Amino acid sequence: MVLETNALMAFIKQGTIEGIILGCDYSRIVEEFGEAKLFASRSPVYCRYGDLELGFTQEDRLRHIGIEAAGGVAELPTGIGETKSISIPPLDELIRMIEVHVSPVVLCEPFVVGETWHRVERSGVIINGDDEGGVDAINMSVLPPRPVGG
């Protein structure tokens, strides 16, 4: 079942997902979603729940929320052992929806100079497109991305 884009737009608007906010601690995530089964690292913790990526500081505080959106659908946790599918529209359509319903979107270079992402001004959420015009990733992190050329 693919849900409407409401959950996705809530993340883009507020930078939170399923009540999880930046700054909460790892134990809160485990309480909500269970222990992660896939870890990119353990110190600091960087883990995945389906297509949801969470990164923590060395003090176990959430510093990064990311949705890997390849293929137009993302599997996100809704509870311990439960997931839901969220439909991800093409990048240009998503940007139009954000600009109409949320706030302006500007370009930024959050990771690599010359690699541009779209930044939602209201929330600070950043969005990266793929080569086919789809969405590759949607992220919210503690550190704001640099503007293009900055």
C-alpha atoms as a PDB file:
ATOM      1  CA  MET A   1       0.000   0.000   0.000  1.00  0.00           C
ATOM      2  CA  VAL A   2       1.400   3.390  -0.959  1.00  0.00           C
ATOM      3  CA  LEU A   3       0.257   6.214   1.282  1.00  0.00           C
ATOM      4  CA  GLU A   4      -0.497   9.712   0.088  1.00  0.00           C
ATOM      5  CA  THR A   5       2.299  12.249   0.179  1.00  0.00           C
ATOM      6  CA  ASN A   6       1.021  13.736   3.498  1.00  0.00           C
ATOM      7  CA  ALA A   7       3.684  12.015   5.630  1.00  0.00           C
ATOM      8  CA  LEU A   8       6.393  13.062   3.187  1.00  0.00           C
ATOM      9  CA  MET A   9       5.166  16.677   3.134  1.00  0.00           C
ATOM     10  CA  ALA A  10       5.036  16.703   6.947  1.00  0.00           C
ATOM     11  CA  PHE A  11       8.723  15.694   7.020  1.00  0.00           C
ATOM     12  CA  ILE A  12       9.617  18.318   4.413  1.00  0.00           C
ATOM     13  CA  LYS A  13       7.660  21.022   6.257  1.00  0.00           C
ATOM     14  CA  GLN A  14       8.796  20.272   9.817  1.00  0.00           C
ATOM     15  CA  GLY A  15      11.954  18.156   9.542  1.00  0.00           C
ATOM     16  CA  THR A  16      10.440  15.471  11.771  1.00  0.00           C
ATOM     17  CA  ILE A  17       9.200  12.002  10.966  1.00  0.00           C
ATOM     18  CA  GLU A  18       6.764   9.876  12.964  1.00  0.00           C
ATOM     19  CA  GLY A  19       7.273  12.185  15.942  1.00  0.00           C
ATOM     20  CA  ILE A  20      11.061  11.772  15.850  1.00  0.00           C
ATOM     21  CA  ILE A  21      12.939  15.077  16.054  1.00  0.00           C
ATOM     22  CA  LEU A  22      16.577  16.119  15.871  1.00  0.00           C
ATOM     23  CA  GLY A  23      18.136  16.088  19.319  1.00  0.00           C
ATOM     24  CA  CYS A  24      16.179  13.132  20.714  1.00  0.00           C
ATOM     25  CA  ASP A  25      18.257  10.271  21.994  1.00  0.00           C
ATOM     26  CA  TYR A  26      18.942   6.861  20.610  1.00  0.00           C
ATOM     27  CA  SER A  27      16.927   5.138  23.348  1.00  0.00           C
ATOM     28  CA  ARG A  28      13.835   7.055  22.140  1.00  0.00           C
ATOM     29  CA  ILE A  29      14.335   5.657  18.630  1.00  0.00           C
ATOM     30  CA  VAL A  30      14.742   2.105  19.957  1.00  0.00           C
ATOM     31  CA  GLU A  31      11.598   2.588  22.043  1.00  0.00           C
ATOM     32  CA  GLU A  32       9.658   3.735  18.954  1.00  0.00           C
ATOM     33  CA  PHE A  33      11.063   1.460  16.207  1.00  0.00           C
ATOM     34  CA  GLY A  34      13.011  -1.287  18.007  1.00  0.00           C
ATOM     35  CA  GLU A  35      16.722  -1.965  17.693  1.00  0.00           C
ATOM     36  CA  ALA A  36      18.057  -1.235  14.215  1.00  0.00           C
ATOM     37  CA  LYS A  37      19.131  -4.274  12.215  1.00  0.00           C
ATOM     38  CA  LEU A  38      21.470  -2.393   9.860  1.00  0.00           C
ATOM     39  CA  PHE A  39      24.297  -0.150  11.076  1.00  0.00           C
ATOM     40  CA  ALA A  40      26.758   1.845   8.984  1.00  0.00           C
ATOM     41  CA  SER A  41      28.738   2.555  12.157  1.00  0.00           C
ATOM     42  CA  ARG A  42      28.336   2.125  15.903  1.00  0.00           C
ATOM     43  CA  SER A  43      30.366   5.018  17.306  1.00  0.00           C
ATOM     44  CA  PRO A  44      28.715   7.330  16.618  1.00  0.00           C
ATOM     45  CA  VAL A  45      25.665   5.295  15.657  1.00  0.00           C
ATOM     46  CA  TYR A  46      24.443   5.547  12.067  1.00  0.00           C
ATOM     47  CA  CYS A  47      21.606   3.137  11.343  1.00  0.00           C
ATOM     48  CA  ARG A  48      18.730   2.344   8.984  1.00  0.00           C
ATOM     49  CA  TYR A  49      15.109   1.345   9.362  1.00  0.00           C
ATOM     50  CA  GLY A  50      14.019   0.460   5.835  1.00  0.00           C
ATOM     51  CA  ASP A  51      14.723   3.588   3.777  1.00  0.00           C
ATOM     52  CA  LEU A  52      15.021   5.815   6.864  1.00  0.00           C
ATOM     53  CA  GLU A  53      18.595   6.662   7.858  1.00  0.00           C
ATOM     54  CA  LEU A  54      19.352   8.054  11.313  1.00  0.00           C
ATOM     55  CA  GLY A  55      22.681   9.459  12.468  1.00  0.00           C
ATOM     56  CA  PHE A  56      23.610  10.174  16.086  1.00  0.00           C
ATOM     57  CA  THR A  57      26.294  12.138  17.889  1.00  0.00           C
ATOM     58  CA  GLN A  58      28.756  10.402  20.212  1.00  0.00           C
ATOM     59  CA  GLU A  59      26.382  11.421  23.029  1.00  0.00           C
ATOM     60  CA  ASP A  60      23.589   9.384  21.324  1.00  0.00           C
ATOM     61  CA  ARG A  61      21.617  12.455  20.192  1.00  0.00           C
ATOM     62  CA  LEU A  62      19.874  12.356  16.800  1.00  0.00           C
ATOM     63  CA  ARG A  63      21.692  14.694  14.406  1.00  0.00           C
ATOM     64  CA  HIS A  64      20.528  13.428  10.999  1.00  0.00           C
ATOM     65  CA  ILE A  65      17.280  12.120   9.498  1.00  0.00           C
ATOM     66  CA  GLY A  66      17.387  10.934   5.901  1.00  0.00           C
ATOM     67  CA  ILE A  67      15.005   9.223   3.514  1.00  0.00           C
ATOM     68  CA  GLU A  68      16.561   7.260   0.667  1.00  0.00           C
ATOM     69  CA  ALA A  69      13.915   7.757  -1.985  1.00  0.00           C
ATOM     70  CA  ALA A  70      15.283   5.940  -5.033  1.00  0.00           C
ATOM     71  CA  GLY A  71      12.632   4.382  -7.238  1.00  0.00           C
ATOM     72  CA  GLY A  72       9.775   6.704  -6.281  1.00  0.00           C
ATOM     73  CA  VAL A  73       8.795   4.828  -3.091  1.00  0.00           C
ATOM     74  CA  ALA A  74      10.331   4.833   0.386  1.00  0.00           C
ATOM     75  CA  GLU A  75       9.713   2.233   3.116  1.00  0.00           C
ATOM     76  CA  LEU A  76       9.510   3.983   6.484  1.00  0.00           C
ATOM     77  CA  PRO A  77       9.035   2.577   9.984  1.00  0.00           C
ATOM     78  CA  THR A  78       5.774   3.198  11.830  1.00  0.00           C
ATOM     79  CA  GLY A  79       6.507   1.131  14.940  1.00  0.00           C
ATOM     80  CA  ILE A  80       8.461  -1.894  16.091  1.00  0.00           C
ATOM     81  CA  GLY A  81       8.628  -4.220  13.103  1.00  0.00           C
ATOM     82  CA  GLU A  82       6.087  -2.138  11.133  1.00  0.00           C
ATOM     83  CA  THR A  83       6.650  -0.117   7.965  1.00  0.00           C
ATOM     84  CA  LYS A  84       4.671   1.892   5.456  1.00  0.00           C
ATOM     85  CA  SER A  85       5.363   2.830   1.857  1.00  0.00           C
ATOM     86  CA  ILE A  86       5.383   6.485   0.895  1.00  0.00           C
ATOM     87  CA  SER A  87       5.141   7.551  -2.722  1.00  0.00           C
ATOM     88  CA  ILE A  88       7.817  10.046  -3.792  1.00  0.00           C
ATOM     89  CA  PRO A  89       6.832  12.221  -6.780  1.00  0.00           C
ATOM     90  CA  PRO A  90       9.384  13.226  -9.445  1.00  0.00           C
ATOM     91  CA  LEU A  91      11.758  15.988  -8.322  1.00  0.00           C
ATOM     92  CA  ASP A  92      10.223  18.825 -10.368  1.00  0.00           C
ATOM     93  CA  GLU A  93       6.716  17.942  -9.173  1.00  0.00           C
ATOM     94  CA  LEU A  94       7.873  17.679  -5.557  1.00  0.00           C
ATOM     95  CA  ILE A  95       9.609  21.079  -5.734  1.00  0.00           C
ATOM     96  CA  ARG A  96       6.427  22.660  -7.159  1.00  0.00           C
ATOM     97  CA  MET A  97       4.341  21.118  -4.353  1.00  0.00           C
ATOM     98  CA  ILE A  98       6.768  22.403  -1.722  1.00  0.00           C
ATOM     99  CA  GLU A  99       6.842  25.911  -3.156  1.00  0.00           C
ATOM    100  CA  VAL A 100       3.031  26.069  -3.265  1.00  0.00           C
ATOM    101  CA  HIS A 101       2.283  24.460   0.110  1.00  0.00           C
ATOM    102  CA  VAL A 102       5.379  24.914   2.301  1.00  0.00           C
ATOM    103  CA  SER A 103       7.969  27.561   1.391  1.00  0.00           C
ATOM    104  CA  PRO A 104      10.463  28.657  -1.252  1.00  0.00           C
ATOM    105  CA  VAL A 105      13.163  26.197  -2.300  1.00  0.00           C
ATOM    106  CA  VAL A 106      16.740  27.340  -2.982  1.00  0.00           C
ATOM    107  CA  LEU A 107      19.856  25.562  -4.231  1.00  0.00           C
ATOM    108  CA  CYS A 108      22.676  24.670  -1.844  1.00  0.00           C
ATOM    109  CA  GLU A 109      25.907  22.645  -1.740  1.00  0.00           C
ATOM    110  CA  PRO A 110      25.673  20.697   1.528  1.00  0.00           C
ATOM    111  CA  PHE A 111      28.425  18.142   1.037  1.00  0.00           C
ATOM    112  CA  VAL A 112      30.554  18.701  -2.054  1.00  0.00           C
ATOM    113  CA  VAL A 113      31.272  21.982  -3.825  1.00  0.00           C
ATOM    114  CA  GLY A 114      29.555  21.831  -7.211  1.00  0.00           C
ATOM    115  CA  GLU A 115      27.020  19.173  -6.144  1.00  0.00           C
ATOM    116  CA  THR A 116      23.745  21.041  -5.728  1.00  0.00           C
ATOM    117  CA  TRP A 117      20.758  20.011  -3.668  1.00  0.00           C
ATOM    118  CA  HIS A 118      17.415  21.770  -3.124  1.00  0.00           C
ATOM    119  CA  ARG A 119      16.890  23.329   0.318  1.00  0.00           C
ATOM    120  CA  VAL A 120      13.428  24.026   1.750  1.00  0.00           C
ATOM    121  CA  GLU A 121      13.844  27.443   3.368  1.00  0.00           C
ATOM    122  CA  ARG A 122      11.194  26.945   6.067  1.00  0.00           C
ATOM    123  CA  SER A 123      12.514  23.667   7.481  1.00  0.00           C
ATOM    124  CA  GLY A 124      16.074  23.315   6.220  1.00  0.00           C
ATOM    125  CA  VAL A 125      15.281  19.905   4.696  1.00  0.00           C
ATOM    126  CA  ILE A 126      17.467  19.215   1.663  1.00  0.00           C
ATOM    127  CA  ILE A 127      16.527  17.151  -1.399  1.00  0.00           C
ATOM    128  CA  ASN A 128      18.775  15.558  -3.991  1.00  0.00           C
ATOM    129  CA  GLY A 129      17.626  14.442  -7.426  1.00  0.00           C
ATOM    130  CA  ASP A 130      18.800  11.531  -9.532  1.00  0.00           C
ATOM    131  CA  ASP A 131      19.804  11.439 -13.206  1.00  0.00           C
ATOM    132  CA  GLU A 132      16.298  10.383 -14.308  1.00  0.00           C
ATOM    133  CA  GLY A 133      14.466  13.342 -12.721  1.00  0.00           C
ATOM    134  CA  GLY A 134      13.450  11.440  -9.602  1.00  0.00           C
ATOM    135  CA  VAL A 135      14.314  12.057  -5.961  1.00  0.00           C
ATOM    136  CA  ASP A 136      17.344  10.262  -4.575  1.00  0.00           C
ATOM    137  CA  ALA A 137      17.443  11.512  -0.963  1.00  0.00           C
ATOM    138  CA  ILE A 138      15.609  13.824   1.434  1.00  0.00           C
ATOM    139  CA  ASN A 139      17.628  14.844   4.517  1.00  0.00           C
ATOM    140  CA  MET A 140      17.428  16.941   7.660  1.00  0.00           C
ATOM    141  CA  SER A 141      20.611  17.510   9.661  1.00  0.00           C
ATOM    142  CA  VAL A 142      21.753  19.647  12.567  1.00  0.00           C
ATOM    143  CA  LEU A 143      24.254  21.582  10.482  1.00  0.00           C
ATOM    144  CA  PRO A 144      22.657  23.751   7.764  1.00  0.00           C
ATOM    145  CA  PRO A 145      23.959  23.353   4.210  1.00  0.00           C
ATOM    146  CA  ARG A 146      26.011  26.078   2.563  1.00  0.00           C
ATOM    147  CA  PRO A 147      24.299  28.137  -0.158  1.00  0.00           C
ATOM    148  CA  VAL A 148      25.586  27.597  -3.695  1.00  0.00           C
ATOM    149  CA  GLY A 149      28.945  29.348  -4.065  1.00  0.00           C
ATOM    150  CA  GLY A 150      29.176  29.831  -0.260  1.00  0.00           C
END
